[in-house]
């Protein structure tokens, strides 16, 4: 459980970094994100999940 909490904490740090470091550049990027159709976002999210799963698998080996 401690390892899981560390991983979630690291993900939160990485996710929050662009908003903290570049808030003025994140707003237009988020507006562009709203224009992407839902099926494309789903495919992109699925691809990222598969890539993350692969990295976890490689890291555990």
N, C-alpha and C. Protein backbone atom coordinates (compact mmCIF):
# COMPACT_ATOMS: atom_id res chain seq x y z
N UNK A 1 0.82 -1.19 0.00
CA UNK A 1 0.00 0.00 0.00
C UNK A 1 0.87 1.26 0.00
N UNK A 2 1.99 1.21 0.71
CA UNK A 2 2.87 2.38 0.75
C UNK A 2 3.44 2.67 -0.64
N UNK A 3 3.80 1.59 -1.36
CA UNK A 3 4.32 1.76 -2.72
C UNK A 3 3.27 2.38 -3.63
N UNK A 4 2.03 1.92 -3.50
CA UNK A 4 0.93 2.45 -4.29
C UNK A 4 0.73 3.94 -4.02
N UNK A 5 0.76 4.33 -2.76
CA UNK A 5 0.61 5.75 -2.41
C UNK A 5 1.76 6.59 -2.96
N UNK A 6 2.97 6.04 -2.95
CA UNK A 6 4.11 6.75 -3.54
C UNK A 6 3.92 6.95 -5.04
N UNK A 7 3.44 5.92 -5.71
CA UNK A 7 3.22 6.02 -7.15
C UNK A 7 2.14 7.05 -7.45
N UNK A 8 1.03 7.03 -6.72
CA UNK A 8 -0.04 8.01 -6.93
C UNK A 8 0.48 9.42 -6.67
N UNK A 9 1.29 9.58 -5.63
CA UNK A 9 1.88 10.88 -5.33
C UNK A 9 2.76 11.38 -6.46
N UNK A 10 3.57 10.50 -7.03
CA UNK A 10 4.44 10.89 -8.14
C UNK A 10 3.62 11.28 -9.37
N UNK A 11 2.56 10.54 -9.63
CA UNK A 11 1.69 10.87 -10.76
C UNK A 11 1.08 12.25 -10.55
N UNK A 12 0.64 12.55 -9.33
CA UNK A 12 0.06 13.87 -9.05
C UNK A 12 1.08 14.98 -9.24
N UNK A 13 2.33 14.74 -8.85
CA UNK A 13 3.38 15.74 -9.05
C UNK A 13 3.60 15.99 -10.53
N UNK A 14 3.72 14.92 -11.31
CA UNK A 14 3.97 15.06 -12.75
C UNK A 14 2.78 15.73 -13.44
N UNK A 15 1.57 15.37 -13.03
CA UNK A 15 0.37 15.96 -13.64
C UNK A 15 0.23 17.45 -13.28
N UNK A 16 0.61 17.82 -12.07
CA UNK A 16 0.44 19.20 -11.63
C UNK A 16 1.54 20.14 -12.07
N UNK A 17 2.68 19.61 -12.46
CA UNK A 17 3.83 20.44 -12.82
C UNK A 17 3.55 21.42 -13.96
N UNK A 18 2.94 21.01 -15.07
CA UNK A 18 2.70 22.00 -16.15
C UNK A 18 1.77 23.14 -15.73
N UNK A 19 0.77 22.83 -14.90
CA UNK A 19 -0.15 23.87 -14.44
C UNK A 19 0.55 24.87 -13.52
N UNK A 20 1.50 24.38 -12.73
CA UNK A 20 2.25 25.26 -11.85
C UNK A 20 3.29 26.07 -12.60
N UNK A 21 4.00 25.42 -13.51
CA UNK A 21 5.12 26.07 -14.19
C UNK A 21 4.68 26.96 -15.35
N UNK A 22 3.64 26.57 -16.07
CA UNK A 22 3.22 27.29 -17.28
C UNK A 22 1.72 27.51 -17.33
N UNK A 23 1.13 28.19 -16.34
CA UNK A 23 -0.34 28.34 -16.35
C UNK A 23 -0.85 29.13 -17.56
N UNK A 24 -0.06 30.10 -18.03
CA UNK A 24 -0.50 30.91 -19.17
C UNK A 24 -0.50 30.11 -20.47
N UNK A 25 0.33 29.09 -20.57
CA UNK A 25 0.37 28.26 -21.78
C UNK A 25 -0.60 27.09 -21.70
N UNK A 26 -1.01 26.71 -20.50
CA UNK A 26 -1.90 25.58 -20.34
C UNK A 26 -3.34 25.92 -20.74
N UNK A 27 -3.76 27.15 -20.53
CA UNK A 27 -5.14 27.53 -20.85
C UNK A 27 -5.47 27.37 -22.33
N UNK A 28 -4.66 27.90 -23.25
CA UNK A 28 -4.97 27.67 -24.67
C UNK A 28 -4.88 26.19 -25.06
N UNK A 29 -3.96 25.46 -24.44
CA UNK A 29 -3.82 24.05 -24.74
C UNK A 29 -5.08 23.28 -24.32
N UNK A 30 -5.62 23.65 -23.16
CA UNK A 30 -6.85 23.00 -22.70
C UNK A 30 -8.03 23.35 -23.58
N UNK A 31 -8.06 24.56 -24.11
CA UNK A 31 -9.14 24.94 -25.04
C UNK A 31 -9.04 24.10 -26.31
N UNK A 32 -7.84 23.87 -26.81
CA UNK A 32 -7.66 23.02 -27.98
C UNK A 32 -8.08 21.59 -27.68
N UNK A 33 -7.83 21.14 -26.47
CA UNK A 33 -8.21 19.80 -26.06
C UNK A 33 -9.72 19.61 -26.10
N UNK A 34 -10.46 20.66 -25.77
CA UNK A 34 -11.93 20.60 -25.80
C UNK A 34 -12.46 20.40 -27.22
N UNK A 35 -11.69 20.75 -28.23
CA UNK A 35 -12.13 20.63 -29.62
C UNK A 35 -11.90 19.24 -30.20
N UNK A 36 -11.13 18.40 -29.52
CA UNK A 36 -10.85 17.06 -30.02
C UNK A 36 -12.08 16.19 -29.77
N UNK A 37 -12.52 15.44 -30.78
CA UNK A 37 -13.70 14.59 -30.61
C UNK A 37 -13.49 13.50 -29.55
N UNK A 38 -14.57 13.12 -28.88
CA UNK A 38 -14.49 12.12 -27.81
C UNK A 38 -13.86 10.80 -28.24
N UNK A 39 -14.21 10.25 -29.41
CA UNK A 39 -13.56 8.98 -29.79
C UNK A 39 -12.04 9.10 -29.90
N UNK A 40 -11.55 10.23 -30.36
CA UNK A 40 -10.10 10.42 -30.45
C UNK A 40 -9.48 10.49 -29.07
N UNK A 41 -10.14 11.18 -28.14
CA UNK A 41 -9.63 11.26 -26.77
C UNK A 41 -9.62 9.88 -26.11
N UNK A 42 -10.66 9.08 -26.39
CA UNK A 42 -10.71 7.73 -25.83
C UNK A 42 -9.55 6.88 -26.35
N UNK A 43 -9.29 6.97 -27.66
CA UNK A 43 -8.17 6.20 -28.23
C UNK A 43 -6.85 6.66 -27.63
N UNK A 44 -6.69 7.95 -27.48
CA UNK A 44 -5.46 8.49 -26.91
C UNK A 44 -5.30 8.03 -25.45
N UNK A 45 -6.38 8.09 -24.69
CA UNK A 45 -6.33 7.64 -23.30
C UNK A 45 -6.03 6.16 -23.19
N UNK A 46 -6.63 5.36 -24.07
CA UNK A 46 -6.37 3.92 -24.05
C UNK A 46 -4.91 3.64 -24.40
N UNK A 47 -4.40 4.35 -25.39
CA UNK A 47 -2.99 4.18 -25.77
C UNK A 47 -2.05 4.53 -24.63
N UNK A 48 -2.37 5.59 -23.91
CA UNK A 48 -1.54 5.99 -22.77
C UNK A 48 -1.61 4.96 -21.65
N UNK A 49 -2.80 4.39 -21.43
CA UNK A 49 -2.93 3.36 -20.40
C UNK A 49 -2.12 2.12 -20.77
N UNK A 50 -2.16 1.72 -22.03
CA UNK A 50 -1.39 0.54 -22.48
C UNK A 50 0.10 0.83 -22.35
N UNK A 51 0.53 2.02 -22.74
CA UNK A 51 1.94 2.38 -22.62
C UNK A 51 2.37 2.40 -21.15
N UNK A 52 1.52 2.94 -20.28
CA UNK A 52 1.84 2.94 -18.85
C UNK A 52 1.92 1.54 -18.28
N UNK A 53 0.99 0.69 -18.70
CA UNK A 53 1.02 -0.71 -18.25
C UNK A 53 2.30 -1.40 -18.71
N UNK A 54 2.71 -1.12 -19.94
CA UNK A 54 3.95 -1.70 -20.45
C UNK A 54 5.15 -1.21 -19.64
N UNK A 55 5.18 0.07 -19.31
CA UNK A 55 6.29 0.60 -18.51
C UNK A 55 6.33 -0.02 -17.13
N UNK A 56 5.16 -0.20 -16.53
CA UNK A 56 5.11 -0.84 -15.20
C UNK A 56 5.60 -2.28 -15.31
N UNK A 57 5.19 -2.97 -16.35
CA UNK A 57 5.63 -4.36 -16.54
C UNK A 57 7.15 -4.43 -16.73
N UNK A 58 7.69 -3.53 -17.55
CA UNK A 58 9.13 -3.52 -17.78
C UNK A 58 9.89 -3.16 -16.49
N UNK A 59 9.33 -2.19 -15.75
CA UNK A 59 9.98 -1.77 -14.51
C UNK A 59 9.97 -2.82 -13.43
N UNK A 60 8.98 -3.69 -13.44
CA UNK A 60 8.89 -4.74 -12.43
C UNK A 60 9.75 -5.95 -12.78
N UNK A 61 10.21 -6.05 -14.01
CA UNK A 61 11.00 -7.23 -14.43
C UNK A 61 12.42 -7.15 -13.94
